[in-house]
């Protein structure tokens, strides 16, 4: 991945989903947990989706994310 070195591992992002009481999270909610910008968080979530760790759906004006079953 080009750009600056990630300060949070993929496993740490996945653990946010595993430990959260809701079955899905918005990009903004994950960004808040990570203390990242929404743009930076979106890139990381898209990367995890491309590796089949996460799934997404647009709801209203937001993307929501959840752990894939694969």
N, C-alpha and C. Protein backbone atom coordinates (compact mmCIF):
# COMPACT_ATOMS: atom_id res chain seq x y z
N UNK A 1 0.85 -1.17 0.00
CA UNK A 1 0.00 0.00 0.00
C UNK A 1 0.89 1.23 0.00
N UNK A 2 0.63 2.13 -0.92
CA UNK A 2 1.42 3.36 -0.99
C UNK A 2 0.97 4.33 0.09
N UNK A 3 1.77 5.35 0.32
CA UNK A 3 1.42 6.34 1.33
C UNK A 3 2.16 6.07 2.62
N UNK A 4 1.69 6.75 3.67
CA UNK A 4 2.39 6.60 4.94
C UNK A 4 2.08 5.26 5.60
N UNK A 5 2.96 4.85 6.48
CA UNK A 5 2.84 3.58 7.15
C UNK A 5 1.62 3.59 8.08
N UNK A 6 0.79 2.54 8.04
CA UNK A 6 -0.38 2.49 8.93
C UNK A 6 0.05 2.47 10.40
N UNK A 7 -0.68 3.22 11.22
CA UNK A 7 -0.38 3.26 12.65
C UNK A 7 -1.27 2.29 13.42
N UNK A 8 -2.23 1.70 12.73
CA UNK A 8 -3.15 0.72 13.32
C UNK A 8 -3.14 -0.50 12.41
N UNK A 9 -3.06 -1.67 13.00
CA UNK A 9 -3.04 -2.88 12.19
C UNK A 9 -4.45 -3.24 11.72
N UNK A 10 -4.51 -4.08 10.69
CA UNK A 10 -5.81 -4.57 10.23
C UNK A 10 -6.52 -5.32 11.35
N UNK A 11 -5.76 -6.09 12.12
CA UNK A 11 -6.34 -6.83 13.23
C UNK A 11 -6.99 -5.93 14.26
N UNK A 12 -6.39 -4.77 14.50
CA UNK A 12 -6.98 -3.82 15.45
C UNK A 12 -8.29 -3.25 14.92
N UNK A 13 -8.35 -3.02 13.61
CA UNK A 13 -9.60 -2.53 13.02
C UNK A 13 -10.67 -3.61 13.11
N UNK A 14 -10.32 -4.83 12.79
CA UNK A 14 -11.28 -5.93 12.87
C UNK A 14 -11.77 -6.11 14.31
N UNK A 15 -10.89 -5.94 15.28
CA UNK A 15 -11.30 -6.12 16.68
C UNK A 15 -12.32 -5.06 17.11
N UNK A 16 -12.30 -3.90 16.48
CA UNK A 16 -13.34 -2.88 16.77
C UNK A 16 -14.71 -3.45 16.43
N UNK A 17 -14.81 -4.12 15.28
CA UNK A 17 -16.08 -4.72 14.87
C UNK A 17 -16.45 -5.88 15.79
N UNK A 18 -15.48 -6.70 16.16
CA UNK A 18 -15.74 -7.87 17.01
C UNK A 18 -16.21 -7.47 18.40
N UNK A 19 -15.71 -6.37 18.92
CA UNK A 19 -16.04 -5.99 20.29
C UNK A 19 -17.20 -5.01 20.40
N UNK A 20 -17.67 -4.49 19.27
CA UNK A 20 -18.74 -3.51 19.31
C UNK A 20 -20.09 -4.20 19.47
N UNK A 21 -20.99 -3.57 20.21
CA UNK A 21 -22.30 -4.17 20.45
C UNK A 21 -23.20 -4.14 19.21
N UNK A 22 -22.99 -3.21 18.29
CA UNK A 22 -23.78 -3.15 17.07
C UNK A 22 -23.23 -4.12 16.02
N UNK A 23 -24.09 -4.69 15.17
CA UNK A 23 -23.61 -5.63 14.15
C UNK A 23 -22.93 -4.94 12.98
N UNK A 24 -23.06 -3.62 12.87
CA UNK A 24 -22.42 -2.88 11.79
C UNK A 24 -22.01 -1.51 12.31
N UNK A 25 -21.07 -0.88 11.61
CA UNK A 25 -20.57 0.45 11.98
C UNK A 25 -20.44 1.31 10.74
N UNK A 26 -20.66 2.60 10.89
CA UNK A 26 -20.45 3.53 9.79
C UNK A 26 -18.96 3.87 9.70
N UNK A 27 -18.58 4.42 8.57
CA UNK A 27 -17.21 4.87 8.40
C UNK A 27 -16.85 5.88 9.49
N UNK A 28 -17.77 6.79 9.78
CA UNK A 28 -17.53 7.82 10.80
C UNK A 28 -17.32 7.21 12.18
N UNK A 29 -18.08 6.17 12.51
CA UNK A 29 -17.92 5.53 13.82
C UNK A 29 -16.56 4.86 13.95
N UNK A 30 -16.12 4.20 12.89
CA UNK A 30 -14.80 3.56 12.92
C UNK A 30 -13.72 4.63 13.01
N UNK A 31 -13.88 5.71 12.24
CA UNK A 31 -12.90 6.80 12.27
C UNK A 31 -12.77 7.37 13.67
N UNK A 32 -13.90 7.52 14.34
CA UNK A 32 -13.88 8.05 15.71
C UNK A 32 -13.14 7.11 16.66
N UNK A 33 -13.39 5.82 16.53
CA UNK A 33 -12.70 4.82 17.36
C UNK A 33 -11.19 4.86 17.13
N UNK A 34 -10.79 5.07 15.88
CA UNK A 34 -9.37 5.05 15.52
C UNK A 34 -8.68 6.40 15.71
N UNK A 35 -9.49 7.44 15.84
CA UNK A 35 -8.97 8.81 15.87
C UNK A 35 -8.25 9.12 14.54
N UNK A 36 -8.87 8.68 13.44
CA UNK A 36 -8.40 8.90 12.08
C UNK A 36 -9.38 9.82 11.37
N UNK A 37 -8.97 10.38 10.23
CA UNK A 37 -9.90 11.11 9.37
C UNK A 37 -10.84 10.08 8.72
N UNK A 38 -12.01 10.56 8.29
CA UNK A 38 -12.92 9.64 7.60
C UNK A 38 -12.33 9.14 6.29
N UNK A 39 -11.60 10.01 5.59
CA UNK A 39 -10.99 9.62 4.32
C UNK A 39 -9.95 8.52 4.53
N UNK A 40 -9.10 8.69 5.54
CA UNK A 40 -8.10 7.66 5.84
C UNK A 40 -8.74 6.36 6.28
N UNK A 41 -9.78 6.47 7.08
CA UNK A 41 -10.50 5.28 7.55
C UNK A 41 -11.16 4.56 6.38
N UNK A 42 -11.77 5.31 5.47
CA UNK A 42 -12.43 4.71 4.31
C UNK A 42 -11.44 3.88 3.50
N UNK A 43 -10.25 4.39 3.29
CA UNK A 43 -9.24 3.63 2.54
C UNK A 43 -8.90 2.31 3.22
N UNK A 44 -8.76 2.35 4.53
CA UNK A 44 -8.43 1.12 5.27
C UNK A 44 -9.60 0.12 5.22
N UNK A 45 -10.83 0.62 5.36
CA UNK A 45 -12.00 -0.26 5.31
C UNK A 45 -12.16 -0.86 3.92
N UNK A 46 -11.92 -0.08 2.89
CA UNK A 46 -12.00 -0.60 1.52
C UNK A 46 -10.95 -1.68 1.29
N UNK A 47 -9.77 -1.50 1.86
CA UNK A 47 -8.72 -2.50 1.74
C UNK A 47 -9.15 -3.81 2.41
N UNK A 48 -9.75 -3.70 3.59
CA UNK A 48 -10.23 -4.90 4.29
C UNK A 48 -11.38 -5.55 3.53
N UNK A 49 -12.20 -4.75 2.86
CA UNK A 49 -13.27 -5.31 2.04
C UNK A 49 -12.68 -6.07 0.85
N UNK A 50 -11.66 -5.52 0.22
CA UNK A 50 -11.06 -6.18 -0.94
C UNK A 50 -10.40 -7.51 -0.56
N UNK A 51 -10.06 -7.64 0.71
CA UNK A 51 -9.48 -8.90 1.21
C UNK A 51 -10.54 -9.80 1.83
N UNK A 52 -11.82 -9.43 1.67
CA UNK A 52 -12.99 -10.20 2.13
C UNK A 52 -13.14 -10.28 3.65
N UNK A 53 -12.53 -9.35 4.39
CA UNK A 53 -12.73 -9.30 5.83
C UNK A 53 -14.00 -8.54 6.20
N UNK A 54 -14.36 -7.54 5.38
CA UNK A 54 -15.53 -6.71 5.64
C UNK A 54 -16.45 -6.69 4.43
N UNK A 55 -17.72 -6.39 4.71
CA UNK A 55 -18.71 -6.13 3.66
C UNK A 55 -19.27 -4.74 3.92
N UNK A 56 -19.87 -4.15 2.89
CA UNK A 56 -20.42 -2.81 3.06
C UNK A 56 -21.73 -2.66 2.31
N UNK A 57 -22.47 -1.61 2.71
CA UNK A 57 -23.72 -1.25 2.06
C UNK A 57 -23.94 0.24 2.29
N UNK A 58 -24.50 0.91 1.29
CA UNK A 58 -24.82 2.33 1.46
C UNK A 58 -26.20 2.41 2.10
N UNK A 59 -26.30 3.16 3.18
CA UNK A 59 -27.56 3.36 3.89
C UNK A 59 -27.74 4.85 4.10
N UNK A 60 -28.75 5.43 3.46
CA UNK A 60 -28.88 6.88 3.51
C UNK A 60 -27.70 7.48 2.78
N UNK A 61 -27.00 8.38 3.43
CA UNK A 61 -25.82 8.98 2.83
C UNK A 61 -24.52 8.40 3.35
N UNK A 62 -24.60 7.30 4.10
CA UNK A 62 -23.41 6.74 4.74
C UNK A 62 -23.14 5.32 4.28
N UNK A 63 -21.87 4.93 4.34
CA UNK A 63 -21.52 3.53 4.16
C UNK A 63 -21.52 2.86 5.52
N UNK A 64 -22.12 1.68 5.58
CA UNK A 64 -22.04 0.89 6.80
C UNK A 64 -21.25 -0.38 6.49
N UNK A 65 -20.53 -0.84 7.48
CA UNK A 65 -19.58 -1.95 7.34
C UNK A 65 -19.86 -3.00 8.39
N UNK A 66 -19.62 -4.28 8.05
CA UNK A 66 -19.74 -5.37 9.00
C UNK A 66 -18.73 -6.46 8.63
N UNK A 67 -18.48 -7.32 9.57
CA UNK A 67 -17.55 -8.43 9.32
C UNK A 67 -18.16 -9.40 8.32
N UNK A 68 -17.38 -9.81 7.34
CA UNK A 68 -17.83 -10.78 6.34
C UNK A 68 -17.95 -12.14 6.98
N UNK A 69 -18.76 -12.95 6.40
CA UNK A 69 -18.95 -14.32 6.90
C UNK A 69 -17.95 -15.27 6.29
N UNK A 70 -17.21 -14.80 5.27
CA UNK A 70 -16.25 -15.66 4.58
C UNK A 70 -15.08 -15.99 5.46
